[in-house]
Amino acid sequence: MENVRKVLEAMQKSGKALKAGEIAEISGLDKKEVDKAMKVLKDEDKIVSPKRCFWEPK
């Protein structure tokens, strides 16, 4: 759950829609860990995709 929090914080700080690779760079996490965290956030309906491959907090 720590990684989920880090991913969400990175998205909120950026203020724009990001790709998973960009989130990984900002959060300092491995891209695979970011993908797992993003799946949890998607399932919890906390992030949305304004355009393909880009994500932002809801």
PDB file of N, CA and C in Angstrom:
ATOM      1  N   MET A   1       0.812  -1.203   0.000  1.00  0.00           N
ATOM      2  CA  MET A   1       0.000   0.000   0.000  1.00  0.00           C
ATOM      3  C   MET A   1       0.856   1.268   0.000  1.00  0.00           C
ATOM      4  N   GLU A   2       2.086   1.142   0.469  1.00  0.00           N
ATOM      5  CA  GLU A   2       3.006   2.285   0.467  1.00  0.00           C
ATOM      6  C   GLU A   2       3.243   2.777  -0.957  1.00  0.00           C
ATOM      7  N   ASN A   3       3.423   1.833  -1.885  1.00  0.00           N
ATOM      8  CA  ASN A   3       3.662   2.208  -3.284  1.00  0.00           C
ATOM      9  C   ASN A   3       2.448   2.896  -3.889  1.00  0.00           C
ATOM     10  N   VAL A   4       1.267   2.457  -3.511  1.00  0.00           N
ATOM     11  CA  VAL A   4       0.037   3.072  -4.014  1.00  0.00           C
ATOM     12  C   VAL A   4       0.000   4.531  -3.578  1.00  0.00           C
ATOM     13  N   ARG A   5       0.347   4.788  -2.328  1.00  0.00           N
ATOM     14  CA  ARG A   5       0.349   6.153  -1.804  1.00  0.00           C
ATOM     15  C   ARG A   5       1.391   7.004  -2.537  1.00  0.00           C
ATOM     16  N   LYS A   6       2.566   6.444  -2.776  1.00  0.00           N
ATOM     17  CA  LYS A   6       3.632   7.177  -3.477  1.00  0.00           C
ATOM     18  C   LYS A   6       3.205   7.541  -4.901  1.00  0.00           C
ATOM     19  N   VAL A   7       2.573   6.606  -5.577  1.00  0.00           N
ATOM     20  CA  VAL A   7       2.119   6.848  -6.953  1.00  0.00           C
ATOM     21  C   VAL A   7       1.068   7.952  -6.977  1.00  0.00           C
ATOM     22  N   LEU A   8       0.105   7.879  -6.073  1.00  0.00           N
ATOM     23  CA  LEU A   8      -0.951   8.884  -6.027  1.00  0.00           C
ATOM     24  C   LEU A   8      -0.372  10.261  -5.698  1.00  0.00           C
ATOM     25  N   GLU A   9       0.570  10.321  -4.759  1.00  0.00           N
ATOM     26  CA  GLU A   9       1.209  11.598  -4.407  1.00  0.00           C
ATOM     27  C   GLU A   9       1.969  12.174  -5.596  1.00  0.00           C
ATOM     28  N   ALA A  10       2.686  11.329  -6.329  1.00  0.00           N
ATOM     29  CA  ALA A  10       3.440  11.790  -7.502  1.00  0.00           C
ATOM     30  C   ALA A  10       2.501  12.383  -8.539  1.00  0.00           C
ATOM     31  N   MET A  11       1.350  11.751  -8.729  1.00  0.00           N
ATOM     32  CA  MET A  11       0.371  12.240  -9.700  1.00  0.00           C
ATOM     33  C   MET A  11      -0.216  13.577  -9.248  1.00  0.00           C
ATOM     34  N   GLN A  12      -0.515  13.688  -7.972  1.00  0.00           N
ATOM     35  CA  GLN A  12      -1.109  14.920  -7.448  1.00  0.00           C
ATOM     36  C   GLN A  12      -0.124  16.085  -7.515  1.00  0.00           C
ATOM     37  N   LYS A  13       1.157  15.827  -7.228  1.00  0.00           N
ATOM     38  CA  LYS A  13       2.174  16.882  -7.238  1.00  0.00           C
ATOM     39  C   LYS A  13       2.422  17.410  -8.648  1.00  0.00           C
ATOM     40  N   SER A  14       2.344  16.528  -9.644  1.00  0.00           N
ATOM     41  CA  SER A  14       2.663  16.940 -11.014  1.00  0.00           C
ATOM     42  C   SER A  14       1.642  17.926 -11.568  1.00  0.00           C
ATOM     43  N   GLY A  15       0.392  17.747 -11.213  1.00  0.00           N
ATOM     44  CA  GLY A  15      -0.659  18.641 -11.702  1.00  0.00           C
ATOM     45  C   GLY A  15      -1.040  18.418 -13.154  1.00  0.00           C
ATOM     46  N   LYS A  16      -0.582  17.325 -13.741  1.00  0.00           N
ATOM     47  CA  LYS A  16      -0.931  17.006 -15.127  1.00  0.00           C
ATOM     48  C   LYS A  16      -1.003  15.493 -15.291  1.00  0.00           C
ATOM     49  N   ALA A  17      -1.565  15.053 -16.392  1.00  0.00           N
ATOM     50  CA  ALA A  17      -1.658  13.619 -16.675  1.00  0.00           C
ATOM     51  C   ALA A  17      -0.266  13.083 -17.014  1.00  0.00           C
ATOM     52  N   LEU A  18       0.044  11.899 -16.477  1.00  0.00           N
ATOM     53  CA  LEU A  18       1.375  11.314 -16.658  1.00  0.00           C
ATOM     54  C   LEU A  18       1.302   9.893 -17.196  1.00  0.00           C
ATOM     55  N   LYS A  19       2.379   9.475 -17.859  1.00  0.00           N
ATOM     56  CA  LYS A  19       2.531   8.085 -18.265  1.00  0.00           C
ATOM     57  C   LYS A  19       3.137   7.314 -17.085  1.00  0.00           C
ATOM     58  N   ALA A  20       2.990   6.006 -17.098  1.00  0.00           N
ATOM     59  CA  ALA A  20       3.509   5.173 -16.012  1.00  0.00           C
ATOM     60  C   ALA A  20       5.023   5.359 -15.838  1.00  0.00           C
ATOM     61  N   GLY A  21       5.746   5.494 -16.943  1.00  0.00           N
ATOM     62  CA  GLY A  21       7.196   5.688 -16.869  1.00  0.00           C
ATOM     63  C   GLY A  21       7.570   6.986 -16.184  1.00  0.00           C
ATOM     64  N   GLU A  22       6.793   8.033 -16.443  1.00  0.00           N
ATOM     65  CA  GLU A  22       7.041   9.329 -15.795  1.00  0.00           C
ATOM     66  C   GLU A  22       6.746   9.248 -14.298  1.00  0.00           C
ATOM     67  N   ILE A  23       5.694   8.526 -13.951  1.00  0.00           N
ATOM     68  CA  ILE A  23       5.352   8.342 -12.536  1.00  0.00           C
ATOM     69  C   ILE A  23       6.471   7.578 -11.836  1.00  0.00           C
ATOM     70  N   ALA A  24       7.030   6.586 -12.503  1.00  0.00           N
ATOM     71  CA  ALA A  24       8.127   5.805 -11.937  1.00  0.00           C
ATOM     72  C   ALA A  24       9.332   6.704 -11.649  1.00  0.00           C
ATOM     73  N   GLU A  25       9.654   7.594 -12.577  1.00  0.00           N
ATOM     74  CA  GLU A  25      10.786   8.515 -12.392  1.00  0.00           C
ATOM     75  C   GLU A  25      10.552   9.456 -11.214  1.00  0.00           C
ATOM     76  N   ILE A  26       9.356  10.014 -11.133  1.00  0.00           N
ATOM     77  CA  ILE A  26       9.034  10.971 -10.070  1.00  0.00           C
ATOM     78  C   ILE A  26       9.008  10.299  -8.703  1.00  0.00           C
ATOM     79  N   SER A  27       8.393   9.112  -8.629  1.00  0.00           N
ATOM     80  CA  SER A  27       8.211   8.436  -7.347  1.00  0.00           C
ATOM     81  C   SER A  27       9.439   7.653  -6.901  1.00  0.00           C
ATOM     82  N   GLY A  28      10.338   7.358  -7.850  1.00  0.00           N
ATOM     83  CA  GLY A  28      11.524   6.573  -7.510  1.00  0.00           C
ATOM     84  C   GLY A  28      11.253   5.078  -7.442  1.00  0.00           C
ATOM     85  N   LEU A  29      10.093   4.666  -7.908  1.00  0.00           N
ATOM     86  CA  LEU A  29       9.730   3.250  -7.895  1.00  0.00           C
ATOM     87  C   LEU A  29      10.036   2.608  -9.242  1.00  0.00           C
ATOM     88  N   ASP A  30      10.123   1.283  -9.227  1.00  0.00           N
ATOM     89  CA  ASP A  30      10.286   0.527 -10.458  1.00  0.00           C
ATOM     90  C   ASP A  30       8.979   0.587 -11.254  1.00  0.00           C
ATOM     91  N   LYS A  31       9.056   0.603 -12.581  1.00  0.00           N
ATOM     92  CA  LYS A  31       7.848   0.730 -13.409  1.00  0.00           C
ATOM     93  C   LYS A  31       6.861  -0.408 -13.133  1.00  0.00           C
ATOM     94  N   LYS A  32       7.361  -1.616 -12.856  1.00  0.00           N
ATOM     95  CA  LYS A  32       6.463  -2.737 -12.558  1.00  0.00           C
ATOM     96  C   LYS A  32       5.659  -2.464 -11.291  1.00  0.00           C
ATOM     97  N   GLU A  33       6.314  -1.862 -10.298  1.00  0.00           N
ATOM     98  CA  GLU A  33       5.625  -1.524  -9.049  1.00  0.00           C
ATOM     99  C   GLU A  33       4.589  -0.426  -9.289  1.00  0.00           C
ATOM    100  N   VAL A  34       4.924   0.519 -10.156  1.00  0.00           N
ATOM    101  CA  VAL A  34       3.985   1.589 -10.509  1.00  0.00           C
ATOM    102  C   VAL A  34       2.764   0.987 -11.197  1.00  0.00           C
ATOM    103  N   ASP A  35       2.980   0.056 -12.116  1.00  0.00           N
ATOM    104  CA  ASP A  35       1.866  -0.592 -12.820  1.00  0.00           C
ATOM    105  C   ASP A  35       0.935  -1.304 -11.841  1.00  0.00           C
ATOM    106  N   LYS A  36       1.519  -2.005 -10.857  1.00  0.00           N
ATOM    107  CA  LYS A  36       0.710  -2.702  -9.851  1.00  0.00           C
ATOM    108  C   LYS A  36      -0.098  -1.700  -9.029  1.00  0.00           C
ATOM    109  N   ALA A  37       0.546  -0.622  -8.604  1.00  0.00           N
ATOM    110  CA  ALA A  37      -0.124   0.394  -7.796  1.00  0.00           C
ATOM    111  C   ALA A  37      -1.235   1.066  -8.595  1.00  0.00           C
ATOM    112  N   MET A  38      -0.977   1.317  -9.870  1.00  0.00           N
ATOM    113  CA  MET A  38      -1.988   1.963 -10.715  1.00  0.00           C
ATOM    114  C   MET A  38      -3.198   1.051 -10.903  1.00  0.00           C
ATOM    115  N   LYS A  39      -2.980  -0.254 -10.967  1.00  0.00           N
ATOM    116  CA  LYS A  39      -4.105  -1.182 -11.078  1.00  0.00           C
ATOM    117  C   LYS A  39      -4.995  -1.071  -9.844  1.00  0.00           C
ATOM    118  N   VAL A  40      -4.377  -0.992  -8.672  1.00  0.00           N
ATOM    119  CA  VAL A  40      -5.142  -0.839  -7.426  1.00  0.00           C
ATOM    120  C   VAL A  40      -5.928   0.473  -7.463  1.00  0.00           C
ATOM    121  N   LEU A  41      -5.263   1.559  -7.874  1.00  0.00           N
ATOM    122  CA  LEU A  41      -5.926   2.864  -7.937  1.00  0.00           C
ATOM    123  C   LEU A  41      -7.068   2.874  -8.950  1.00  0.00           C
ATOM    124  N   LYS A  42      -6.883   2.176 -10.079  1.00  0.00           N
ATOM    125  CA  LYS A  42      -7.952   2.086 -11.077  1.00  0.00           C
ATOM    126  C   LYS A  42      -9.137   1.313 -10.505  1.00  0.00           C
ATOM    127  N   ASP A  43      -8.847   0.205  -9.829  1.00  0.00           N
ATOM    128  CA  ASP A  43      -9.907  -0.616  -9.237  1.00  0.00           C
ATOM    129  C   ASP A  43     -10.677   0.156  -8.164  1.00  0.00           C
ATOM    130  N   GLU A  44      -9.976   1.036  -7.446  1.00  0.00           N
ATOM    131  CA  GLU A  44     -10.611   1.847  -6.404  1.00  0.00           C
ATOM    132  C   GLU A  44     -11.228   3.124  -6.972  1.00  0.00           C
ATOM    133  N   ASP A  45     -11.120   3.306  -8.288  1.00  0.00           N
ATOM    134  CA  ASP A  45     -11.688   4.461  -8.985  1.00  0.00           C
ATOM    135  C   ASP A  45     -11.105   5.790  -8.489  1.00  0.00           C
ATOM    136  N   LYS A  46      -9.779   5.791  -8.222  1.00  0.00           N
ATOM    137  CA  LYS A  46      -9.117   7.003  -7.736  1.00  0.00           C
ATOM    138  C   LYS A  46      -8.347   7.738  -8.822  1.00  0.00           C
ATOM    139  N   ILE A  47      -8.128   7.073  -9.985  1.00  0.00           N
ATOM    140  CA  ILE A  47      -7.434   7.724 -11.092  1.00  0.00           C
ATOM    141  C   ILE A  47      -8.244   7.533 -12.371  1.00  0.00           C
ATOM    142  N   VAL A  48      -8.051   8.460 -13.299  1.00  0.00           N
ATOM    143  CA  VAL A  48      -8.737   8.399 -14.593  1.00  0.00           C
ATOM    144  C   VAL A  48      -7.721   8.638 -15.714  1.00  0.00           C
ATOM    145  N   SER A  49      -8.099   8.211 -16.897  1.00  0.00           N
ATOM    146  CA  SER A  49      -7.242   8.386 -18.064  1.00  0.00           C
ATOM    147  C   SER A  49      -7.892   9.377 -19.029  1.00  0.00           C
ATOM    148  N   PRO A  50      -7.384  10.630 -19.057  1.00  0.00           N
ATOM    149  CA  PRO A  50      -7.954  11.617 -19.967  1.00  0.00           C
ATOM    150  C   PRO A  50      -7.634  11.326 -21.432  1.00  0.00           C
ATOM    151  N   LYS A  51      -6.517  10.640 -21.664  1.00  0.00           N
ATOM    152  CA  LYS A  51      -6.179  10.185 -23.014  1.00  0.00           C
ATOM    153  C   LYS A  51      -5.330   8.928 -22.884  1.00  0.00           C
ATOM    154  N   ARG A  52      -5.250   8.172 -23.930  1.00  0.00           N
ATOM    155  CA  ARG A  52      -4.598   6.864 -23.904  1.00  0.00           C
ATOM    156  C   ARG A  52      -3.183   6.919 -23.308  1.00  0.00           C
ATOM    157  N   CYS A  53      -2.940   6.037 -22.337  1.00  0.00           N
ATOM    158  CA  CYS A  53      -1.637   5.865 -21.673  1.00  0.00           C
ATOM    159  C   CYS A  53      -1.279   6.980 -20.699  1.00  0.00           C
ATOM    160  N   PHE A  54      -2.131   7.941 -20.494  1.00  0.00           N
ATOM    161  CA  PHE A  54      -1.883   9.014 -19.526  1.00  0.00           C
ATOM    162  C   PHE A  54      -2.896   8.902 -18.392  1.00  0.00           C
ATOM    163  N   TRP A  55      -2.434   9.150 -17.164  1.00  0.00           N
ATOM    164  CA  TRP A  55      -3.282   9.009 -15.991  1.00  0.00           C
ATOM    165  C   TRP A  55      -3.167  10.205 -15.080  1.00  0.00           C
ATOM    166  N   GLU A  56      -4.270  10.491 -14.361  1.00  0.00           N
ATOM    167  CA  GLU A  56      -4.274  11.579 -13.399  1.00  0.00           C
ATOM    168  C   GLU A  56      -5.257  11.242 -12.276  1.00  0.00           C
ATOM    169  N   PRO A  57      -5.093  11.879 -11.111  1.00  0.00           N
ATOM    170  CA  PRO A  57      -6.028  11.615 -10.011  1.00  0.00           C
ATOM    171  C   PRO A  57      -7.431  12.097 -10.378  1.00  0.00           C
ATOM    172  N   LYS A  58      -8.405  11.426  -9.848  1.00  0.00           N
ATOM    173  CA  LYS A  58      -9.802  11.774 -10.122  1.00  0.00           C
ATOM    174  C   LYS A  58     -10.202  13.018  -9.345  1.00  0.00           C
TER     175      LYS A  58
END
